[in-house]
Amino acid sequence: KTFRIRHGHTDPAGIVFYPRHYELISAT
């Protein structure tokens, strides 16, 4: 499954904030 990383997935450093990975895993 392909997911686009959205602005809301990222932290102030501009990278995916690690809990958002778990949301994407759950969606998968």
mmCIF file of all heavy atoms, coordinates in Angstrom:
data_MODEL
# 
_entry.id   MODEL 
# 
loop_
_atom_site.group_PDB 
_atom_site.id 
_atom_site.type_symbol 
_atom_site.label_atom_id 
_atom_site.label_alt_id 
_atom_site.label_comp_id 
_atom_site.label_asym_id 
_atom_site.label_entity_id 
_atom_site.label_seq_id 
_atom_site.pdbx_PDB_ins_code 
_atom_site.Cartn_x 
_atom_site.Cartn_y 
_atom_site.Cartn_z 
_atom_site.occupancy 
_atom_site.B_iso_or_equiv 
_atom_site.pdbx_formal_charge 
_atom_site.auth_seq_id 
_atom_site.auth_comp_id 
_atom_site.auth_asym_id 
_atom_site.auth_atom_id 
_atom_site.pdbx_PDB_model_num 
ATOM 1   N N   . LYS A 1 1  ? 0.867  -1.178 0.000  1.00 0.00 ? 1  LYS A N   1 
ATOM 2   C CA  . LYS A 1 1  ? 0.000  0.000  0.000  1.00 0.00 ? 1  LYS A CA  1 
ATOM 3   C C   . LYS A 1 1  ? 0.902  1.225  0.000  1.00 0.00 ? 1  LYS A C   1 
ATOM 4   O O   . LYS A 1 1  ? 1.859  1.305  0.765  1.00 0.00 ? 1  LYS A O   1 
ATOM 5   C CB  . LYS A 1 1  ? -0.881 -0.013 1.249  1.00 0.00 ? 1  LYS A CB  1 
ATOM 6   C CG  . LYS A 1 1  ? -1.920 1.056  1.304  1.00 0.00 ? 1  LYS A CG  1 
ATOM 7   C CD  . LYS A 1 1  ? -3.052 0.727  0.360  1.00 0.00 ? 1  LYS A CD  1 
ATOM 8   C CE  . LYS A 1 1  ? -4.153 1.760  0.471  1.00 0.00 ? 1  LYS A CE  1 
ATOM 9   N NZ  . LYS A 1 1  ? -5.321 1.374  -0.285 1.00 0.00 ? 1  LYS A NZ  1 
ATOM 10  N N   . THR A 1 2  ? 0.596  2.189  -0.845 1.00 0.00 ? 2  THR A N   1 
ATOM 11  C CA  . THR A 1 2  ? 1.385  3.414  -0.919 1.00 0.00 ? 2  THR A CA  1 
ATOM 12  C C   . THR A 1 2  ? 0.642  4.543  -0.221 1.00 0.00 ? 2  THR A C   1 
ATOM 13  O O   . THR A 1 2  ? -0.556 4.735  -0.437 1.00 0.00 ? 2  THR A O   1 
ATOM 14  C CB  . THR A 1 2  ? 1.666  3.789  -2.390 1.00 0.00 ? 2  THR A CB  1 
ATOM 15  O OG1 . THR A 1 2  ? 2.373  2.707  -3.006 1.00 0.00 ? 2  THR A OG1 1 
ATOM 16  C CG2 . THR A 1 2  ? 2.501  5.057  -2.476 1.00 0.00 ? 2  THR A CG2 1 
ATOM 17  N N   . PHE A 1 3  ? 1.371  5.267  0.615  1.00 0.00 ? 3  PHE A N   1 
ATOM 18  C CA  . PHE A 1 3  ? 0.823  6.418  1.323  1.00 0.00 ? 3  PHE A CA  1 
ATOM 19  C C   . PHE A 1 3  ? 1.698  7.637  1.056  1.00 0.00 ? 3  PHE A C   1 
ATOM 20  O O   . PHE A 1 3  ? 2.925  7.542  1.088  1.00 0.00 ? 3  PHE A O   1 
ATOM 21  C CB  . PHE A 1 3  ? 0.788  6.194  2.843  1.00 0.00 ? 3  PHE A CB  1 
ATOM 22  C CG  . PHE A 1 3  ? -0.165 5.125  3.273  1.00 0.00 ? 3  PHE A CG  1 
ATOM 23  C CD1 . PHE A 1 3  ? 0.296  3.866  3.619  1.00 0.00 ? 3  PHE A CD1 1 
ATOM 24  C CD2 . PHE A 1 3  ? -1.526 5.377  3.353  1.00 0.00 ? 3  PHE A CD2 1 
ATOM 25  C CE1 . PHE A 1 3  ? -0.567 2.882  4.028  1.00 0.00 ? 3  PHE A CE1 1 
ATOM 26  C CE2 . PHE A 1 3  ? -2.409 4.392  3.769  1.00 0.00 ? 3  PHE A CE2 1 
ATOM 27  C CZ  . PHE A 1 3  ? -1.932 3.145  4.105  1.00 0.00 ? 3  PHE A CZ  1 
ATOM 28  N N   . ARG A 1 4  ? 1.057  8.768  0.818  1.00 0.00 ? 4  ARG A N   1 
ATOM 29  C CA  . ARG A 1 4  ? 1.774  10.031 0.692  1.00 0.00 ? 4  ARG A CA  1 
ATOM 30  C C   . ARG A 1 4  ? 1.949  10.617 2.090  1.00 0.00 ? 4  ARG A C   1 
ATOM 31  O O   . ARG A 1 4  ? 1.006  10.672 2.871  1.00 0.00 ? 4  ARG A O   1 
ATOM 32  C CB  . ARG A 1 4  ? 1.025  11.016 -0.188 1.00 0.00 ? 4  ARG A CB  1 
ATOM 33  C CG  . ARG A 1 4  ? 1.746  12.373 -0.304 1.00 0.00 ? 4  ARG A CG  1 
ATOM 34  C CD  . ARG A 1 4  ? 1.091  13.301 -1.300 1.00 0.00 ? 4  ARG A CD  1 
ATOM 35  N NE  . ARG A 1 4  ? 1.022  12.721 -2.639 1.00 0.00 ? 4  ARG A NE  1 
ATOM 36  C CZ  . ARG A 1 4  ? 2.045  12.670 -3.495 1.00 0.00 ? 4  ARG A CZ  1 
ATOM 37  N NH1 . ARG A 1 4  ? 3.227  13.159 -3.159 1.00 0.00 ? 4  ARG A NH1 1 
ATOM 38  N NH2 . ARG A 1 4  ? 1.884  12.150 -4.693 1.00 0.00 ? 4  ARG A NH2 1 
ATOM 39  N N   . ILE A 1 5  ? 3.164  11.051 2.377  1.00 0.00 ? 5  ILE A N   1 
ATOM 40  C CA  . ILE A 1 5  ? 3.432  11.721 3.648  1.00 0.00 ? 5  ILE A CA  1 
ATOM 41  C C   . ILE A 1 5  ? 2.883  13.140 3.547  1.00 0.00 ? 5  ILE A C   1 
ATOM 42  O O   . ILE A 1 5  ? 3.217  13.887 2.633  1.00 0.00 ? 5  ILE A O   1 
ATOM 43  C CB  . ILE A 1 5  ? 4.949  11.734 3.968  1.00 0.00 ? 5  ILE A CB  1 
ATOM 44  C CG1 . ILE A 1 5  ? 5.479  10.304 4.073  1.00 0.00 ? 5  ILE A CG1 1 
ATOM 45  C CG2 . ILE A 1 5  ? 5.220  12.532 5.228  1.00 0.00 ? 5  ILE A CG2 1 
ATOM 46  C CD1 . ILE A 1 5  ? 4.810  9.450  5.128  1.00 0.00 ? 5  ILE A CD1 1 
ATOM 47  N N   . ARG A 1 6  ? 2.057  13.488 4.476  1.00 0.00 ? 6  ARG A N   1 
ATOM 48  C CA  . ARG A 1 6  ? 1.420  14.808 4.501  1.00 0.00 ? 6  ARG A CA  1 
ATOM 49  C C   . ARG A 1 6  ? 2.105  15.699 5.531  1.00 0.00 ? 6  ARG A C   1 
ATOM 50  O O   . ARG A 1 6  ? 2.798  15.216 6.424  1.00 0.00 ? 6  ARG A O   1 
ATOM 51  C CB  . ARG A 1 6  ? -0.061 14.662 4.814  1.00 0.00 ? 6  ARG A CB  1 
ATOM 52  C CG  . ARG A 1 6  ? -0.772 13.806 3.774  1.00 0.00 ? 6  ARG A CG  1 
ATOM 53  C CD  . ARG A 1 6  ? -2.265 13.850 3.933  1.00 0.00 ? 6  ARG A CD  1 
ATOM 54  N NE  . ARG A 1 6  ? -2.914 13.040 2.919  1.00 0.00 ? 6  ARG A NE  1 
ATOM 55  C CZ  . ARG A 1 6  ? -3.168 13.422 1.673  1.00 0.00 ? 6  ARG A CZ  1 
ATOM 56  N NH1 . ARG A 1 6  ? -2.810 14.616 1.278  1.00 0.00 ? 6  ARG A NH1 1 
ATOM 57  N NH2 . ARG A 1 6  ? -3.773 12.620 0.827  1.00 0.00 ? 6  ARG A NH2 1 
ATOM 58  N N   . HIS A 1 7  ? 1.851  16.986 5.400  1.00 0.00 ? 7  HIS A N   1 
ATOM 59  C CA  . HIS A 1 7  ? 2.445  17.947 6.326  1.00 0.00 ? 7  HIS A CA  1 
ATOM 60  C C   . HIS A 1 7  ? 2.114  17.580 7.781  1.00 0.00 ? 7  HIS A C   1 
ATOM 61  O O   . HIS A 1 7  ? 2.960  17.670 8.664  1.00 0.00 ? 7  HIS A O   1 
ATOM 62  C CB  . HIS A 1 7  ? 1.936  19.357 6.000  1.00 0.00 ? 7  HIS A CB  1 
ATOM 63  C CG  . HIS A 1 7  ? 2.375  20.391 6.973  1.00 0.00 ? 7  HIS A CG  1 
ATOM 64  N ND1 . HIS A 1 7  ? 3.682  20.824 7.053  1.00 0.00 ? 7  HIS A ND1 1 
ATOM 65  C CD2 . HIS A 1 7  ? 1.689  21.066 7.924  1.00 0.00 ? 7  HIS A CD2 1 
ATOM 66  C CE1 . HIS A 1 7  ? 3.783  21.725 8.013  1.00 0.00 ? 7  HIS A CE1 1 
ATOM 67  N NE2 . HIS A 1 7  ? 2.584  21.889 8.553  1.00 0.00 ? 7  HIS A NE2 1 
ATOM 68  N N   . GLY A 1 8  ? 0.892  17.127 8.028  1.00 0.00 ? 8  GLY A N   1 
ATOM 69  C CA  . GLY A 1 8  ? 0.476  16.766 9.378  1.00 0.00 ? 8  GLY A CA  1 
ATOM 70  C C   . GLY A 1 8  ? 1.198  15.560 9.956  1.00 0.00 ? 8  GLY A C   1 
ATOM 71  O O   . GLY A 1 8  ? 1.131  15.317 11.165 1.00 0.00 ? 8  GLY A O   1 
ATOM 72  N N   . HIS A 1 9  ? 1.887  14.783 9.114  1.00 0.00 ? 9  HIS A N   1 
ATOM 73  C CA  . HIS A 1 9  ? 2.671  13.653 9.601  1.00 0.00 ? 9  HIS A CA  1 
ATOM 74  C C   . HIS A 1 9  ? 4.027  14.092 10.154 1.00 0.00 ? 9  HIS A C   1 
ATOM 75  O O   . HIS A 1 9  ? 4.700  13.310 10.824 1.00 0.00 ? 9  HIS A O   1 
ATOM 76  C CB  . HIS A 1 9  ? 2.944  12.644 8.468  1.00 0.00 ? 9  HIS A CB  1 
ATOM 77  C CG  . HIS A 1 9  ? 1.736  11.917 7.990  1.00 0.00 ? 9  HIS A CG  1 
ATOM 78  N ND1 . HIS A 1 9  ? 1.365  11.899 6.658  1.00 0.00 ? 9  HIS A ND1 1 
ATOM 79  C CD2 . HIS A 1 9  ? 0.813  11.178 8.647  1.00 0.00 ? 9  HIS A CD2 1 
ATOM 80  C CE1 . HIS A 1 9  ? 0.272  11.169 6.524  1.00 0.00 ? 9  HIS A CE1 1 
ATOM 81  N NE2 . HIS A 1 9  ? -0.083 10.721 7.718  1.00 0.00 ? 9  HIS A NE2 1 
ATOM 82  N N   . THR A 1 10 ? 4.439  15.327 9.838  1.00 0.00 ? 10 THR A N   1 
ATOM 83  C CA  . THR A 1 10 ? 5.807  15.735 10.151 1.00 0.00 ? 10 THR A CA  1 
ATOM 84  C C   . THR A 1 10 ? 5.877  16.583 11.418 1.00 0.00 ? 10 THR A C   1 
ATOM 85  O O   . THR A 1 10 ? 4.902  17.180 11.858 1.00 0.00 ? 10 THR A O   1 
ATOM 86  C CB  . THR A 1 10 ? 6.436  16.511 8.973  1.00 0.00 ? 10 THR A CB  1 
ATOM 87  O OG1 . THR A 1 10 ? 5.695  17.705 8.739  1.00 0.00 ? 10 THR A OG1 1 
ATOM 88  C CG2 . THR A 1 10 ? 6.464  15.661 7.716  1.00 0.00 ? 10 THR A CG2 1 
ATOM 89  N N   . ASP A 1 11 ? 7.084  16.632 11.969 1.00 0.00 ? 11 ASP A N   1 
ATOM 90  C CA  . ASP A 1 11 ? 7.353  17.440 13.165 1.00 0.00 ? 11 ASP A CA  1 
ATOM 91  C C   . ASP A 1 11 ? 8.052  18.741 12.741 1.00 0.00 ? 11 ASP A C   1 
ATOM 92  O O   . ASP A 1 11 ? 8.282  18.962 11.548 1.00 0.00 ? 11 ASP A O   1 
ATOM 93  C CB  . ASP A 1 11 ? 8.175  16.637 14.175 1.00 0.00 ? 11 ASP A CB  1 
ATOM 94  C CG  . ASP A 1 11 ? 9.551  16.229 13.657 1.00 0.00 ? 11 ASP A CG  1 
ATOM 95  O OD1 . ASP A 1 11 ? 10.030 16.801 12.652 1.00 0.00 ? 11 ASP A OD1 1 
ATOM 96  O OD2 . ASP A 1 11 ? 10.165 15.349 14.272 1.00 0.00 ? 11 ASP A OD2 1 
ATOM 97  N N   . PRO A 1 12 ? 8.394  19.617 13.690 1.00 0.00 ? 12 PRO A N   1 
ATOM 98  C CA  . PRO A 1 12 ? 9.046  20.886 13.318 1.00 0.00 ? 12 PRO A CA  1 
ATOM 99  C C   . PRO A 1 12 ? 10.375 20.722 12.571 1.00 0.00 ? 12 PRO A C   1 
ATOM 100 O O   . PRO A 1 12 ? 10.794 21.629 11.871 1.00 0.00 ? 12 PRO A O   1 
ATOM 101 C CB  . PRO A 1 12 ? 9.255  21.584 14.659 1.00 0.00 ? 12 PRO A CB  1 
ATOM 102 C CG  . PRO A 1 12 ? 8.152  21.058 15.514 1.00 0.00 ? 12 PRO A CG  1 
ATOM 103 C CD  . PRO A 1 12 ? 8.021  19.607 15.104 1.00 0.00 ? 12 PRO A CD  1 
ATOM 104 N N   . ALA A 1 13 ? 11.000 19.546 12.687 1.00 0.00 ? 13 ALA A N   1 
ATOM 105 C CA  . ALA A 1 13 ? 12.245 19.306 11.953 1.00 0.00 ? 13 ALA A CA  1 
ATOM 106 C C   . ALA A 1 13 ? 11.973 18.920 10.494 1.00 0.00 ? 13 ALA A C   1 
ATOM 107 O O   . ALA A 1 13 ? 12.903 18.783 9.704  1.00 0.00 ? 13 ALA A O   1 
ATOM 108 C CB  . ALA A 1 13 ? 13.064 18.213 12.636 1.00 0.00 ? 13 ALA A CB  1 
ATOM 109 N N   . GLY A 1 14 ? 10.684 18.730 10.152 1.00 0.00 ? 14 GLY A N   1 
ATOM 110 C CA  . GLY A 1 14 ? 10.333 18.414 8.775  1.00 0.00 ? 14 GLY A CA  1 
ATOM 111 C C   . GLY A 1 14 ? 10.357 16.935 8.446  1.00 0.00 ? 14 GLY A C   1 
ATOM 112 O O   . GLY A 1 14 ? 10.213 16.563 7.281  1.00 0.00 ? 14 GLY A O   1 
ATOM 113 N N   . ILE A 1 15 ? 10.553 16.070 9.451  1.00 0.00 ? 15 ILE A N   1 
ATOM 114 C CA  . ILE A 1 15 ? 10.544 14.627 9.211  1.00 0.00 ? 15 ILE A CA  1 
ATOM 115 C C   . ILE A 1 15 ? 9.303  14.023 9.864  1.00 0.00 ? 15 ILE A C   1 
ATOM 116 O O   . ILE A 1 15 ? 8.677  14.631 10.735 1.00 0.00 ? 15 ILE A O   1 
ATOM 117 C CB  . ILE A 1 15 ? 11.834 13.947 9.731  1.00 0.00 ? 15 ILE A CB  1 
ATOM 118 C CG1 . ILE A 1 15 ? 11.984 14.141 11.238 1.00 0.00 ? 15 ILE A CG1 1 
ATOM 119 C CG2 . ILE A 1 15 ? 13.051 14.472 8.994  1.00 0.00 ? 15 ILE A CG2 1 
ATOM 120 C CD1 . ILE A 1 15 ? 13.153 13.377 11.847 1.00 0.00 ? 15 ILE A CD1 1 
ATOM 121 N N   . VAL A 1 16 ? 8.955  12.816 9.441  1.00 0.00 ? 16 VAL A N   1 
ATOM 122 C CA  . VAL A 1 16 ? 7.775  12.162 10.004 1.00 0.00 ? 16 VAL A CA  1 
ATOM 123 C C   . VAL A 1 16 ? 7.999  11.946 11.493 1.00 0.00 ? 16 VAL A C   1 
ATOM 124 O O   . VAL A 1 16 ? 9.009  11.385 11.917 1.00 0.00 ? 16 VAL A O   1 
ATOM 125 C CB  . VAL A 1 16 ? 7.483  10.824 9.296  1.00 0.00 ? 16 VAL A CB  1 
ATOM 126 C CG1 . VAL A 1 16 ? 6.337  10.088 9.987  1.00 0.00 ? 16 VAL A CG1 1 
ATOM 127 C CG2 . VAL A 1 16 ? 7.147  11.063 7.835  1.00 0.00 ? 16 VAL A CG2 1 
ATOM 128 N N   . PHE A 1 17 ? 7.048  12.436 12.291 1.00 0.00 ? 17 PHE A N   1 
ATOM 129 C CA  . PHE A 1 17 ? 7.052  12.241 13.737 1.00 0.00 ? 17 PHE A CA  1 
ATOM 130 C C   . PHE A 1 17 ? 6.728  10.770 13.979 1.00 0.00 ? 17 PHE A C   1 
ATOM 131 O O   . PHE A 1 17 ? 5.734  10.258 13.469 1.00 0.00 ? 17 PHE A O   1 
ATOM 132 C CB  . PHE A 1 17 ? 6.010  13.172 14.356 1.00 0.00 ? 17 PHE A CB  1 
ATOM 133 C CG  . PHE A 1 17 ? 5.932  13.160 15.850 1.00 0.00 ? 17 PHE A CG  1 
ATOM 134 C CD1 . PHE A 1 17 ? 7.079  13.168 16.636 1.00 0.00 ? 17 PHE A CD1 1 
ATOM 135 C CD2 . PHE A 1 17 ? 4.698  13.174 16.468 1.00 0.00 ? 17 PHE A CD2 1 
ATOM 136 C CE1 . PHE A 1 17 ? 6.986  13.177 18.021 1.00 0.00 ? 17 PHE A CE1 1 
ATOM 137 C CE2 . PHE A 1 17 ? 4.599  13.191 17.847 1.00 0.00 ? 17 PHE A CE2 1 
ATOM 138 C CZ  . PHE A 1 17 ? 5.746  13.180 18.634 1.00 0.00 ? 17 PHE A CZ  1 
ATOM 139 N N   . TYR A 1 18 ? 7.564  10.081 14.752 1.00 0.00 ? 18 TYR A N   1 
ATOM 140 C CA  . TYR A 1 18 ? 7.495  8.618  14.812 1.00 0.00 ? 18 TYR A CA  1 
ATOM 141 C C   . TYR A 1 18 ? 6.104  8.055  15.129 1.00 0.00 ? 18 TYR A C   1 
ATOM 142 O O   . TYR A 1 18 ? 5.724  7.021  14.565 1.00 0.00 ? 18 TYR A O   1 
ATOM 143 C CB  . TYR A 1 18 ? 8.562  8.047  15.762 1.00 0.00 ? 18 TYR A CB  1 
ATOM 144 C CG  . TYR A 1 18 ? 8.222  8.166  17.212 1.00 0.00 ? 18 TYR A CG  1 
ATOM 145 C CD1 . TYR A 1 18 ? 7.572  7.129  17.875 1.00 0.00 ? 18 TYR A CD1 1 
ATOM 146 C CD2 . TYR A 1 18 ? 8.528  9.311  17.941 1.00 0.00 ? 18 TYR A CD2 1 
ATOM 147 C CE1 . TYR A 1 18 ? 7.240  7.238  19.213 1.00 0.00 ? 18 TYR A CE1 1 
ATOM 148 C CE2 . TYR A 1 18 ? 8.201  9.421  19.263 1.00 0.00 ? 18 TYR A CE2 1 
ATOM 149 C CZ  . TYR A 1 18 ? 7.547  8.382  19.904 1.00 0.00 ? 18 TYR A CZ  1 
ATOM 150 O OH  . TYR A 1 18 ? 7.222  8.487  21.217 1.00 0.00 ? 18 TYR A OH  1 
ATOM 151 N N   . PRO A 1 19 ? 5.261  8.674  15.988 1.00 0.00 ? 19 PRO A N   1 
ATOM 152 C CA  . PRO A 1 19 ? 3.931  8.069  16.197 1.00 0.00 ? 19 PRO A CA  1 
ATOM 153 C C   . PRO A 1 19 ? 3.079  8.035  14.932 1.00 0.00 ? 19 PRO A C   1 
ATOM 154 O O   . PRO A 1 19 ? 2.203  7.183  14.793 1.00 0.00 ? 19 PRO A O   1 
ATOM 155 C CB  . PRO A 1 19 ? 3.273  8.971  17.247 1.00 0.00 ? 19 PRO A CB  1 
ATOM 156 C CG  . PRO A 1 19 ? 4.397  9.670  17.930 1.00 0.00 ? 19 PRO A CG  1 
ATOM 157 C CD  . PRO A 1 19 ? 5.460  9.821  16.881 1.00 0.00 ? 19 PRO A CD  1 
ATOM 158 N N   . ARG A 1 20 ? 3.355  8.927  13.991 1.00 0.00 ? 20 ARG A N   1 
ATOM 159 C CA  . ARG A 1 20 ? 2.588  8.929  12.741 1.00 0.00 ? 20 ARG A CA  1 
ATOM 160 C C   . ARG A 1 20 ? 2.869  7.671  11.928 1.00 0.00 ? 20 ARG A C   1 
ATOM 161 O O   . ARG A 1 20 ? 2.017  7.210  11.166 1.00 0.00 ? 20 ARG A O   1 
ATOM 162 C CB  . ARG A 1 20 ? 2.883  10.178 11.908 1.00 0.00 ? 20 ARG A CB  1 
ATOM 163 C CG  . ARG A 1 20 ? 2.586  11.472 12.608 1.00 0.00 ? 20 ARG A CG  1 
ATOM 164 C CD  . ARG A 1 20 ? 1.097  11.628 12.910 1.00 0.00 ? 20 ARG A CD  1 
ATOM 165 N NE  . ARG A 1 20 ? 0.877  12.826 13.679 1.00 0.00 ? 20 ARG A NE  1 
ATOM 166 C CZ  . ARG A 1 20 ? 0.425  12.851 14.925 1.00 0.00 ? 20 ARG A CZ  1 
ATOM 167 N NH1 . ARG A 1 20 ? 0.105  11.732 15.536 1.00 0.00 ? 20 ARG A NH1 1 
ATOM 168 N NH2 . ARG A 1 20 ? 0.265  13.984 15.561 1.00 0.00 ? 20 ARG A NH2 1 
ATOM 169 N N   . HIS A 1 21 ? 4.081  7.107  12.075 1.00 0.00 ? 21 HIS A N   1 
ATOM 170 C CA  . HIS A 1 21 ? 4.374  5.837  11.411 1.00 0.00 ? 21 HIS A CA  1 
ATOM 171 C C   . HIS A 1 21 ? 3.401  4.761  11.892 1.00 0.00 ? 21 HIS A C   1 
ATOM 172 O O   . HIS A 1 21 ? 2.953  3.924  11.102 1.00 0.00 ? 21 HIS A O   1 
ATOM 173 C CB  . HIS A 1 21 ? 5.810  5.385  11.683 1.00 0.00 ? 21 HIS A CB  1 
ATOM 174 C CG  . HIS A 1 21 ? 6.839  6.148  10.928 1.00 0.00 ? 21 HIS A CG  1 
ATOM 175 N ND1 . HIS A 1 21 ? 6.994  6.051  9.566  1.00 0.00 ? 21 HIS A ND1 1 
ATOM 176 C CD2 . HIS A 1 21 ? 7.785  7.017  11.347 1.00 0.00 ? 21 HIS A CD2 1 
ATOM 177 C CE1 . HIS A 1 21 ? 7.987  6.827  9.178  1.00 0.00 ? 21 HIS A CE1 1 
ATOM 178 N NE2 . HIS A 1 21 ? 8.481  7.430  10.239 1.00 0.00 ? 21 HIS A NE2 1 
ATOM 179 N N   . TYR A 1 22 ? 3.071  4.780  13.183 1.00 0.00 ? 22 TYR A N   1 
ATOM 180 C CA  . TYR A 1 22 ? 2.152  3.778  13.712 1.00 0.00 ? 22 TYR A CA  1 
ATOM 181 C C   . TYR A 1 22 ? 0.741  3.964  13.152 1.00 0.00 ? 22 TYR A C   1 
ATOM 182 O O   . TYR A 1 22 ? 0.021  2.987  12.948 1.00 0.00 ? 22 TYR A O   1 
ATOM 183 C CB  . TYR A 1 22 ? 2.161  3.786  15.243 1.00 0.00 ? 22 TYR A CB  1 
ATOM 184 C CG  . TYR A 1 22 ? 3.467  3.271  15.791 1.00 0.00 ? 22 TYR A CG  1 
ATOM 185 C CD1 . TYR A 1 22 ? 4.320  4.092  16.495 1.00 0.00 ? 22 TYR A CD1 1 
ATOM 186 C CD2 . TYR A 1 22 ? 3.856  1.947  15.571 1.00 0.00 ? 22 TYR A CD2 1 
ATOM 187 C CE1 . TYR A 1 22 ? 5.534  3.613  16.976 1.00 0.00 ? 22 TYR A CE1 1 
ATOM 188 C CE2 . TYR A 1 22 ? 5.066  1.464  16.045 1.00 0.00 ? 22 TYR A CE2 1 
ATOM 189 C CZ  . TYR A 1 22 ? 5.904  2.303  16.745 1.00 0.00 ? 22 TYR A CZ  1 
ATOM 190 O OH  . TYR A 1 22 ? 7.099  1.832  17.218 1.00 0.00 ? 22 TYR A OH  1 
ATOM 191 N N   . GLU A 1 23 ? 0.351  5.190  12.887 1.00 0.00 ? 23 GLU A N   1 
ATOM 192 C CA  . GLU A 1 23 ? -0.941 5.421  12.232 1.00 0.00 ? 23 GLU A CA  1 
ATOM 193 C C   . GLU A 1 23 ? -0.931 4.829  10.823 1.00 0.00 ? 23 GLU A C   1 
ATOM 194 O O   . GLU A 1 23 ? -1.920 4.229  10.385 1.00 0.00 ? 23 GLU A O   1 
ATOM 195 C CB  . GLU A 1 23 ? -1.250 6.918  12.174 1.00 0.00 ? 23 GLU A CB  1 
ATOM 196 C CG  . GLU A 1 23 ? -1.508 7.529  13.536 1.00 0.00 ? 23 GLU A CG  1 
ATOM 197 C CD  . GLU A 1 23 ? -1.610 9.043  13.499 1.00 0.00 ? 23 GLU A CD  1 
ATOM 198 O OE1 . GLU A 1 23 ? -1.400 9.649  12.430 1.00 0.00 ? 23 GLU A OE1 1 
ATOM 199 O OE2 . GLU A 1 23 ? -1.903 9.618  14.556 1.00 0.00 ? 23 GLU A OE2 1 
ATOM 200 N N   . LEU A 1 24 ? 0.192  4.981  10.114 1.00 0.00 ? 24 LEU A N   1 
ATOM 201 C CA  . LEU A 1 24 ? 0.299  4.432  8.759  1.00 0.00 ? 24 LEU A CA  1 
ATOM 202 C C   . LEU A 1 24 ? 0.364  2.904  8.787  1.00 0.00 ? 24 LEU A C   1 
ATOM 203 O O   . LEU A 1 24 ? -0.200 2.234  7.907  1.00 0.00 ? 24 LEU A O   1 
ATOM 204 C CB  . LEU A 1 24 ? 1.502  5.035  8.041  1.00 0.00 ? 24 LEU A CB  1 
ATOM 205 C CG  . LEU A 1 24 ? 1.373  6.539  7.756  1.00 0.00 ? 24 LEU A CG  1 
ATOM 206 C CD1 . LEU A 1 24 ? 2.706  7.126  7.317  1.00 0.00 ? 24 LEU A CD1 1 
ATOM 207 C CD2 . LEU A 1 24 ? 0.286  6.808  6.729  1.00 0.00 ? 24 LEU A CD2 1 
ATOM 208 N N   . ILE A 1 25 ? 1.042  2.349  9.788  1.00 0.00 ? 25 ILE A N   1 
ATOM 209 C CA  . ILE A 1 25 ? 1.063  0.892  9.956  1.00 0.00 ? 25 ILE A CA  1 
ATOM 210 C C   . ILE A 1 25 ? -0.353 0.394  10.214 1.00 0.00 ? 25 ILE A C   1 
ATOM 211 O O   . ILE A 1 25 ? -0.806 -0.592 9.626  1.00 0.00 ? 25 ILE A O   1 
ATOM 212 C CB  . ILE A 1 25 ? 2.029  0.483  11.081 1.00 0.00 ? 25 ILE A CB  1 
ATOM 213 C CG1 . ILE A 1 25 ? 3.485  0.678  10.634 1.00 0.00 ? 25 ILE A CG1 1 
ATOM 214 C CG2 . ILE A 1 25 ? 1.782  -0.959 11.521 1.00 0.00 ? 25 ILE A CG2 1 
ATOM 215 C CD1 . ILE A 1 25 ? 4.514  0.548  11.748 1.00 0.00 ? 25 ILE A CD1 1 
ATOM 216 N N   . SER A 1 26 ? -1.082 1.079  11.095 1.00 0.00 ? 26 SER A N   1 
ATOM 217 C CA  . SER A 1 26 ? -2.455 0.689  11.397 1.00 0.00 ? 26 SER A CA  1 
ATOM 218 C C   . SER A 1 26 ? -3.326 0.777  10.150 1.00 0.00 ? 26 SER A C   1 
ATOM 219 O O   . SER A 1 26 ? -4.153 -0.113 9.889  1.00 0.00 ? 26 SER A O   1 
ATOM 220 C CB  . SER A 1 26 ? -3.015 1.578  12.509 1.00 0.00 ? 26 SER A CB  1 
ATOM 221 O OG  . SER A 1 26 ? -4.317 1.197  12.838 1.00 0.00 ? 26 SER A OG  1 
ATOM 222 N N   . ALA A 1 27 ? -3.158 1.814  9.354  1.00 0.00 ? 27 ALA A N   1 
ATOM 223 C CA  . ALA A 1 27 ? -3.916 1.955  8.110  1.00 0.00 ? 27 ALA A CA  1 
ATOM 224 C C   . ALA A 1 27 ? -3.575 0.826  7.137  1.00 0.00 ? 27 ALA A C   1 
ATOM 225 O O   . ALA A 1 27 ? -4.458 0.309  6.437  1.00 0.00 ? 27 ALA A O   1 
ATOM 226 C CB  . ALA A 1 27 ? -3.642 3.311  7.473  1.00 0.00 ? 27 ALA A CB  1 
ATOM 227 N N   . THR A 1 28 ? -2.308 0.420  7.101  1.00 0.00 ? 28 THR A N   1 
ATOM 228 C CA  . THR A 1 28 ? -1.891 -0.691 6.243  1.00 0.00 ? 28 THR A CA  1 
ATOM 229 C C   . THR A 1 28 ? -2.608 -1.968 6.655  1.00 0.00 ? 28 THR A C   1 
ATOM 230 O O   . THR A 1 28 ? -3.123 -2.711 5.810  1.00 0.00 ? 28 THR A O   1 
ATOM 231 C CB  . THR A 1 28 ? -0.362 -0.883 6.309  1.00 0.00 ? 28 THR A CB  1 
ATOM 232 O OG1 . THR A 1 28 ? 0.282  0.321  5.869  1.00 0.00 ? 28 THR A OG1 1 
ATOM 233 C CG2 . THR A 1 28 ? 0.087  -2.048 5.450  1.00 0.00 ? 28 THR A CG2 1 
# 
